[in-house]
Amino acid sequence: MATRPARKGARWALILLILPFIAMLWPPFYNTVQPEFIGIPFFYWFQLSWIVITAIITAVVYFVGA
């Protein structure tokens, strides 16, 4: 059975996966209405932006090969 060789230099990329968890861990940090973005309160657009950021981070980690 052929397996991919492990890339030891790409382990740092796995640490990137912790960033979304830490950013969303403490809701009082982002539980505000201001600043609004196109009429959307901060609480909602901050969480929505982390969905996009998490997808980008996951793609980076995947393509780096960690």
Foldseek 3Di string as FASTA:
>chain_A
DDDDDDDPVLPVLVVLLCVLVVVVVDLVVQPFQPPDDPNGGSSVVVVVVSVVVNVVSVVVSVVVPD
